């Protein structure tokens, strides 16, 4: 993400809320501010139906974040 951001490529990452603090610390250490969308944790034991619901709930934020990144780039 950091390299893509420096190249002006719009991007966004998706992670669970459990990793939010770590992602923010890593971004600060790299001197970047990537767009992110955080979803409920955990995901590894979710059913297909639950995963679709999580994805559906996050889709609007993902599309908006990518659009904002593209406009800024």
PDB file of N, CA and C in Angstrom:
ATOM      1  N   UNK A   1       0.814  -1.178   0.000  1.00  0.00           N
ATOM      2  CA  UNK A   1       0.000   0.000   0.000  1.00  0.00           C
ATOM      3  C   UNK A   1       0.867   1.255   0.000  1.00  0.00           C
ATOM      4  N   UNK A   2       1.916   1.237   0.796  1.00  0.00           N
ATOM      5  CA  UNK A   2       2.766   2.421   0.874  1.00  0.00           C
ATOM      6  C   UNK A   2       3.397   2.734  -0.473  1.00  0.00           C
ATOM      7  N   UNK A   3       3.895   1.712  -1.165  1.00  0.00           N
ATOM      8  CA  UNK A   3       4.523   1.943  -2.459  1.00  0.00           C
ATOM      9  C   UNK A   3       3.500   2.410  -3.489  1.00  0.00           C
ATOM     10  N   UNK A   4       2.338   1.796  -3.498  1.00  0.00           N
ATOM     11  CA  UNK A   4       1.298   2.224  -4.432  1.00  0.00           C
ATOM     12  C   UNK A   4       0.891   3.668  -4.177  1.00  0.00           C
ATOM     13  N   UNK A   5       0.793   4.031  -2.895  1.00  0.00           N
ATOM     14  CA  UNK A   5       0.418   5.404  -2.558  1.00  0.00           C
ATOM     15  C   UNK A   5       1.450   6.400  -3.079  1.00  0.00           C
ATOM     16  N   UNK A   6       2.733   6.066  -2.953  1.00  0.00           N
ATOM     17  CA  UNK A   6       3.765   6.983  -3.442  1.00  0.00           C
ATOM     18  C   UNK A   6       3.757   7.075  -4.967  1.00  0.00           C
ATOM     19  N   UNK A   7       3.254   6.043  -5.639  1.00  0.00           N
ATOM     20  CA  UNK A   7       3.149   6.053  -7.096  1.00  0.00           C
ATOM     21  C   UNK A   7       1.864   6.725  -7.590  1.00  0.00           C
ATOM     22  N   UNK A   8       1.008   7.115  -6.652  1.00  0.00           N
ATOM     23  CA  UNK A   8      -0.242   7.771  -7.026  1.00  0.00           C
ATOM     24  C   UNK A   8      -1.333   6.818  -7.460  1.00  0.00           C
ATOM     25  N   UNK A   9      -1.179   5.540  -7.132  1.00  0.00           N
ATOM     26  CA  UNK A   9      -2.193   4.546  -7.483  1.00  0.00           C
ATOM     27  C   UNK A   9      -3.234   4.512  -6.367  1.00  0.00           C
ATOM     28  N   UNK A  10      -4.505   4.783  -6.710  1.00  0.00           N
ATOM     29  CA  UNK A  10      -5.541   4.752  -5.671  1.00  0.00           C
ATOM     30  C   UNK A  10      -5.659   3.359  -5.068  1.00  0.00           C
ATOM     31  N   UNK A  11      -5.792   3.306  -3.780  1.00  0.00           N
ATOM     32  CA  UNK A  11      -5.922   2.014  -3.126  1.00  0.00           C
ATOM     33  C   UNK A  11      -6.570   2.137  -1.772  1.00  0.00           C
ATOM     34  N   UNK A  12      -6.883   1.000  -1.232  1.00  0.00           N
ATOM     35  CA  UNK A  12      -7.548   0.922   0.055  1.00  0.00           C
ATOM     36  C   UNK A  12      -7.330  -0.486   0.571  1.00  0.00           C
ATOM     37  N   UNK A  13      -7.175  -0.628   1.872  1.00  0.00           N
ATOM     38  CA  UNK A  13      -7.085  -1.989   2.405  1.00  0.00           C
ATOM     39  C   UNK A  13      -8.245  -2.246   3.338  1.00  0.00           C
ATOM     40  N   UNK A  14      -8.573  -3.525   3.449  1.00  0.00           N
ATOM     41  CA  UNK A  14      -9.654  -3.969   4.326  1.00  0.00           C
ATOM     42  C   UNK A  14      -9.045  -4.902   5.355  1.00  0.00           C
ATOM     43  N   UNK A  15      -9.341  -4.636   6.617  1.00  0.00           N
ATOM     44  CA  UNK A  15      -8.855  -5.477   7.707  1.00  0.00           C
ATOM     45  C   UNK A  15      -9.921  -5.526   8.788  1.00  0.00           C
ATOM     46  N   UNK A  16      -9.764  -6.453   9.701  1.00  0.00           N
ATOM     47  CA  UNK A  16     -10.709  -6.490  10.813  1.00  0.00           C
ATOM     48  C   UNK A  16     -10.302  -5.455  11.863  1.00  0.00           C
ATOM     49  N   UNK A  17     -11.264  -5.081  12.675  1.00  0.00           N
ATOM     50  CA  UNK A  17     -11.027  -4.054  13.697  1.00  0.00           C
ATOM     51  C   UNK A  17      -9.917  -4.453  14.661  1.00  0.00           C
ATOM     52  N   UNK A  18      -9.671  -5.732  14.798  1.00  0.00           N
ATOM     53  CA  UNK A  18      -8.608  -6.209  15.683  1.00  0.00           C
ATOM     54  C   UNK A  18      -7.235  -5.685  15.259  1.00  0.00           C
ATOM     55  N   UNK A  19      -7.075  -5.386  13.978  1.00  0.00           N
ATOM     56  CA  UNK A  19      -5.778  -4.963  13.443  1.00  0.00           C
ATOM     57  C   UNK A  19      -5.684  -3.457  13.214  1.00  0.00           C
ATOM     58  N   UNK A  20      -6.672  -2.703  13.646  1.00  0.00           N
ATOM     59  CA  UNK A  20      -6.689  -1.264  13.391  1.00  0.00           C
ATOM     60  C   UNK A  20      -5.503  -0.553  14.042  1.00  0.00           C
ATOM     61  N   UNK A  21      -5.242  -0.811  15.294  1.00  0.00           N
ATOM     62  CA  UNK A  21      -4.117  -0.140  15.969  1.00  0.00           C
ATOM     63  C   UNK A  21      -2.788  -0.468  15.295  1.00  0.00           C
ATOM     64  N   UNK A  22      -2.586  -1.731  14.945  1.00  0.00           N
ATOM     65  CA  UNK A  22      -1.357  -2.136  14.274  1.00  0.00           C
ATOM     66  C   UNK A  22      -1.212  -1.492  12.904  1.00  0.00           C
ATOM     67  N   UNK A  23      -2.315  -1.410  12.168  1.00  0.00           N
ATOM     68  CA  UNK A  23      -2.277  -0.795  10.839  1.00  0.00           C
ATOM     69  C   UNK A  23      -1.941   0.688  10.937  1.00  0.00           C
ATOM     70  N   UNK A  24      -2.524   1.363  11.912  1.00  0.00           N
ATOM     71  CA  UNK A  24      -2.234   2.788  12.091  1.00  0.00           C
ATOM     72  C   UNK A  24      -0.783   3.008  12.494  1.00  0.00           C
ATOM     73  N   UNK A  25      -0.249   2.151  13.367  1.00  0.00           N
ATOM     74  CA  UNK A  25       1.144   2.269  13.787  1.00  0.00           C
ATOM     75  C   UNK A  25       2.087   2.019  12.606  1.00  0.00           C
ATOM     76  N   UNK A  26       1.769   1.015  11.791  1.00  0.00           N
ATOM     77  CA  UNK A  26       2.605   0.708  10.627  1.00  0.00           C
ATOM     78  C   UNK A  26       2.573   1.856   9.628  1.00  0.00           C
ATOM     79  N   UNK A  27       1.392   2.426   9.405  1.00  0.00           N
ATOM     80  CA  UNK A  27       1.271   3.547   8.473  1.00  0.00           C
ATOM     81  C   UNK A  27       2.108   4.740   8.946  1.00  0.00           C
ATOM     82  N   UNK A  28       2.031   5.040  10.242  1.00  0.00           N
ATOM     83  CA  UNK A  28       2.836   6.134  10.790  1.00  0.00           C
ATOM     84  C   UNK A  28       4.320   5.856  10.603  1.00  0.00           C
ATOM     85  N   UNK A  29       4.732   4.618  10.859  1.00  0.00           N
ATOM     86  CA  UNK A  29       6.145   4.259  10.727  1.00  0.00           C
ATOM     87  C   UNK A  29       6.621   4.411   9.282  1.00  0.00           C
ATOM     88  N   UNK A  30       5.728   4.161   8.330  1.00  0.00           N
ATOM     89  CA  UNK A  30       6.088   4.279   6.918  1.00  0.00           C
ATOM     90  C   UNK A  30       5.858   5.681   6.361  1.00  0.00           C
ATOM     91  N   UNK A  31       5.237   6.533   7.162  1.00  0.00           N
ATOM     92  CA  UNK A  31       4.973   7.899   6.718  1.00  0.00           C
ATOM     93  C   UNK A  31       3.880   8.009   5.675  1.00  0.00           C
ATOM     94  N   UNK A  32       2.906   7.105   5.734  1.00  0.00           N
ATOM     95  CA  UNK A  32       1.796   7.128   4.782  1.00  0.00           C
ATOM     96  C   UNK A  32       0.469   7.154   5.531  1.00  0.00           C
ATOM     97  N   UNK A  33      -0.564   7.452   4.802  1.00  0.00           N
ATOM     98  CA  UNK A  33      -1.902   7.493   5.380  1.00  0.00           C
ATOM     99  C   UNK A  33      -2.883   6.813   4.419  1.00  0.00           C
ATOM    100  N   UNK A  34      -2.791   5.485   4.296  1.00  0.00           N
ATOM    101  CA  UNK A  34      -3.641   4.793   3.342  1.00  0.00           C
ATOM    102  C   UNK A  34      -5.101   4.762   3.800  1.00  0.00           C
ATOM    103  N   UNK A  35      -5.983   4.734   2.831  1.00  0.00           N
ATOM    104  CA  UNK A  35      -7.402   4.582   3.137  1.00  0.00           C
ATOM    105  C   UNK A  35      -7.631   3.157   3.629  1.00  0.00           C
ATOM    106  N   UNK A  36      -8.549   3.014   4.570  1.00  0.00           N
ATOM    107  CA  UNK A  36      -8.816   1.693   5.134  1.00  0.00           C
ATOM    108  C   UNK A  36     -10.282   1.558   5.485  1.00  0.00           C
ATOM    109  N   UNK A  37     -10.746   0.340   5.440  1.00  0.00           N
ATOM    110  CA  UNK A  37     -12.084  -0.008   5.918  1.00  0.00           C
ATOM    111  C   UNK A  37     -11.894  -1.183   6.870  1.00  0.00           C
ATOM    112  N   UNK A  38     -12.465  -1.057   8.052  1.00  0.00           N
ATOM    113  CA  UNK A  38     -12.337  -2.102   9.064  1.00  0.00           C
ATOM    114  C   UNK A  38     -13.676  -2.818   9.226  1.00  0.00           C
ATOM    115  N   UNK A  39     -13.613  -4.135   9.258  1.00  0.00           N
ATOM    116  CA  UNK A  39     -14.803  -4.974   9.370  1.00  0.00           C
ATOM    117  C   UNK A  39     -14.749  -5.730  10.694  1.00  0.00           C
ATOM    118  N   UNK A  40     -15.870  -6.327  11.098  1.00  0.00           N
ATOM    119  CA  UNK A  40     -15.893  -7.050  12.376  1.00  0.00           C
ATOM    120  C   UNK A  40     -14.885  -8.204  12.433  1.00  0.00           C
ATOM    121  N   UNK A  41     -14.426  -8.452  13.633  1.00  0.00           N
ATOM    122  CA  UNK A  41     -13.466  -9.532  13.903  1.00  0.00           C
ATOM    123  C   UNK A  41     -14.170 -10.557  14.776  1.00  0.00           C
ATOM    124  N   UNK A  42     -13.854 -11.812  14.662  1.00  0.00           N
ATOM    125  CA  UNK A  42     -12.983 -12.480  13.708  1.00  0.00           C
ATOM    126  C   UNK A  42     -13.739 -12.818  12.422  1.00  0.00           C
ATOM    127  N   UNK A  43     -12.977 -13.205  11.406  1.00  0.00           N
ATOM    128  CA  UNK A  43     -13.626 -13.623  10.168  1.00  0.00           C
ATOM    129  C   UNK A  43     -13.319 -15.074   9.803  1.00  0.00           C
ATOM    130  N   UNK A  44     -12.277 -15.670  10.381  1.00  0.00           N
ATOM    131  CA  UNK A  44     -11.855 -16.995   9.927  1.00  0.00           C
ATOM    132  C   UNK A  44     -12.894 -18.088  10.141  1.00  0.00           C
ATOM    133  N   UNK A  45     -13.759 -17.967  11.112  1.00  0.00           N
ATOM    134  CA  UNK A  45     -14.746 -19.016  11.369  1.00  0.00           C
ATOM    135  C   UNK A  45     -16.143 -18.642  10.889  1.00  0.00           C
ATOM    136  N   UNK A  46     -16.247 -17.613  10.086  1.00  0.00           N
ATOM    137  CA  UNK A  46     -17.552 -17.170   9.605  1.00  0.00           C
ATOM    138  C   UNK A  46     -18.071 -18.089   8.505  1.00  0.00           C
ATOM    139  N   UNK A  47     -19.378 -18.196   8.450  1.00  0.00           N
ATOM    140  CA  UNK A  47     -19.993 -18.950   7.357  1.00  0.00           C
ATOM    141  C   UNK A  47     -19.937 -18.116   6.088  1.00  0.00           C
ATOM    142  N   UNK A  48     -20.192 -18.742   4.952  1.00  0.00           N
ATOM    143  CA  UNK A  48     -20.233 -18.007   3.687  1.00  0.00           C
ATOM    144  C   UNK A  48     -21.281 -16.899   3.758  1.00  0.00           C
ATOM    145  N   UNK A  49     -22.417 -17.202   4.349  1.00  0.00           N
ATOM    146  CA  UNK A  49     -23.485 -16.208   4.471  1.00  0.00           C
ATOM    147  C   UNK A  49     -23.039 -15.022   5.326  1.00  0.00           C
ATOM    148  N   UNK A  50     -22.367 -15.290   6.425  1.00  0.00           N
ATOM    149  CA  UNK A  50     -21.863 -14.217   7.286  1.00  0.00           C
ATOM    150  C   UNK A  50     -20.814 -13.376   6.559  1.00  0.00           C
ATOM    151  N   UNK A  51     -19.940 -14.030   5.800  1.00  0.00           N
ATOM    152  CA  UNK A  51     -18.917 -13.291   5.051  1.00  0.00           C
ATOM    153  C   UNK A  51     -19.553 -12.402   3.982  1.00  0.00           C
ATOM    154  N   UNK A  52     -20.595 -12.898   3.315  1.00  0.00           N
ATOM    155  CA  UNK A  52     -21.289 -12.068   2.329  1.00  0.00           C
ATOM    156  C   UNK A  52     -21.930 -10.862   3.009  1.00  0.00           C
ATOM    157  N   UNK A  53     -22.486 -11.059   4.184  1.00  0.00           N
ATOM    158  CA  UNK A  53     -23.107  -9.952   4.915  1.00  0.00           C
ATOM    159  C   UNK A  53     -22.061  -8.912   5.318  1.00  0.00           C
ATOM    160  N   UNK A  54     -20.899  -9.359   5.758  1.00  0.00           N
ATOM    161  CA  UNK A  54     -19.816  -8.433   6.121  1.00  0.00           C
ATOM    162  C   UNK A  54     -19.366  -7.663   4.885  1.00  0.00           C
ATOM    163  N   UNK A  55     -19.179  -8.369   3.778  1.00  0.00           N
ATOM    164  CA  UNK A  55     -18.758  -7.716   2.530  1.00  0.00           C
ATOM    165  C   UNK A  55     -19.814  -6.724   2.053  1.00  0.00           C
ATOM    166  N   UNK A  56     -21.071  -7.131   2.092  1.00  0.00           N
ATOM    167  CA  UNK A  56     -22.150  -6.231   1.670  1.00  0.00           C
ATOM    168  C   UNK A  56     -22.181  -4.974   2.536  1.00  0.00           C
ATOM    169  N   UNK A  57     -21.976  -5.145   3.839  1.00  0.00           N
ATOM    170  CA  UNK A  57     -22.001  -3.998   4.758  1.00  0.00           C
ATOM    171  C   UNK A  57     -20.824  -3.060   4.522  1.00  0.00           C
ATOM    172  N   UNK A  58     -19.701  -3.595   4.066  1.00  0.00           N
ATOM    173  CA  UNK A  58     -18.499  -2.784   3.866  1.00  0.00           C
ATOM    174  C   UNK A  58     -18.407  -2.193   2.466  1.00  0.00           C
ATOM    175  N   UNK A  59     -19.182  -2.694   1.522  1.00  0.00           N
ATOM    176  CA  UNK A  59     -19.020  -2.319   0.119  1.00  0.00           C
ATOM    177  C   UNK A  59     -19.117  -0.817  -0.125  1.00  0.00           C
ATOM    178  N   UNK A  60     -20.110  -0.164   0.445  1.00  0.00           N
ATOM    179  CA  UNK A  60     -20.275   1.277   0.220  1.00  0.00           C
ATOM    180  C   UNK A  60     -19.050   2.051   0.698  1.00  0.00           C
ATOM    181  N   UNK A  61     -18.534   1.706   1.869  1.00  0.00           N
ATOM    182  CA  UNK A  61     -17.345   2.391   2.405  1.00  0.00           C
ATOM    183  C   UNK A  61     -16.120   2.107   1.537  1.00  0.00           C
ATOM    184  N   UNK A  62     -16.014   0.894   1.020  1.00  0.00           N
ATOM    185  CA  UNK A  62     -14.879   0.545   0.157  1.00  0.00           C
ATOM    186  C   UNK A  62     -14.924   1.353  -1.127  1.00  0.00           C
ATOM    187  N   UNK A  63     -16.079   1.384  -1.770  1.00  0.00           N
ATOM    188  CA  UNK A  63     -16.209   2.137  -3.021  1.00  0.00           C
ATOM    189  C   UNK A  63     -15.985   3.634  -2.798  1.00  0.00           C
ATOM    190  N   UNK A  64     -16.517   4.159  -1.708  1.00  0.00           N
ATOM    191  CA  UNK A  64     -16.326   5.580  -1.397  1.00  0.00           C
ATOM    192  C   UNK A  64     -14.851   5.875  -1.143  1.00  0.00           C
ATOM    193  N   UNK A  65     -14.182   5.001  -0.412  1.00  0.00           N
ATOM    194  CA  UNK A  65     -12.768   5.208  -0.114  1.00  0.00           C
ATOM    195  C   UNK A  65     -11.904   5.162  -1.351  1.00  0.00           C
ATOM    196  N   UNK A  66     -12.180   4.232  -2.248  1.00  0.00           N
ATOM    197  CA  UNK A  66     -11.420   4.155  -3.493  1.00  0.00           C
ATOM    198  C   UNK A  66     -11.686   5.389  -4.346  1.00  0.00           C
ATOM    199  N   UNK A  67     -12.933   5.831  -4.379  1.00  0.00           N
ATOM    200  CA  UNK A  67     -13.267   7.036  -5.134  1.00  0.00           C
ATOM    201  C   UNK A  67     -12.547   8.259  -4.593  1.00  0.00           C
ATOM    202  N   UNK A  68     -12.487   8.393  -3.285  1.00  0.00           N
ATOM    203  CA  UNK A  68     -11.784   9.529  -2.676  1.00  0.00           C
ATOM    204  C   UNK A  68     -10.298   9.471  -2.988  1.00  0.00           C
ATOM    205  N   UNK A  69      -9.733   8.270  -2.947  1.00  0.00           N
ATOM    206  CA  UNK A  69      -8.314   8.117  -3.249  1.00  0.00           C
ATOM    207  C   UNK A  69      -8.038   8.491  -4.721  1.00  0.00           C
ATOM    208  N   UNK A  70      -8.921   8.085  -5.610  1.00  0.00           N
ATOM    209  CA  UNK A  70      -8.742   8.388  -7.034  1.00  0.00           C
ATOM    210  C   UNK A  70      -8.831   9.908  -7.275  1.00  0.00           C
ATOM    211  N   UNK A  71      -9.760  10.570  -6.601  1.00  0.00           N
ATOM    212  CA  UNK A  71      -9.903  12.025  -6.733  1.00  0.00           C
ATOM    213  C   UNK A  71      -8.684  12.753  -6.207  1.00  0.00           C
ATOM    214  N   UNK A  72      -8.118  12.250  -5.094  1.00  0.00           N
ATOM    215  CA  UNK A  72      -6.960  12.903  -4.484  1.00  0.00           C
ATOM    216  C   UNK A  72      -5.697  12.682  -5.315  1.00  0.00           C
ATOM    217  N   UNK A  73      -5.650  11.548  -6.027  1.00  0.00           N
ATOM    218  CA  UNK A  73      -4.450  11.181  -6.781  1.00  0.00           C
ATOM    219  C   UNK A  73      -4.407  11.909  -8.065  1.00  0.00           C
TER     220      UNK A  73
END
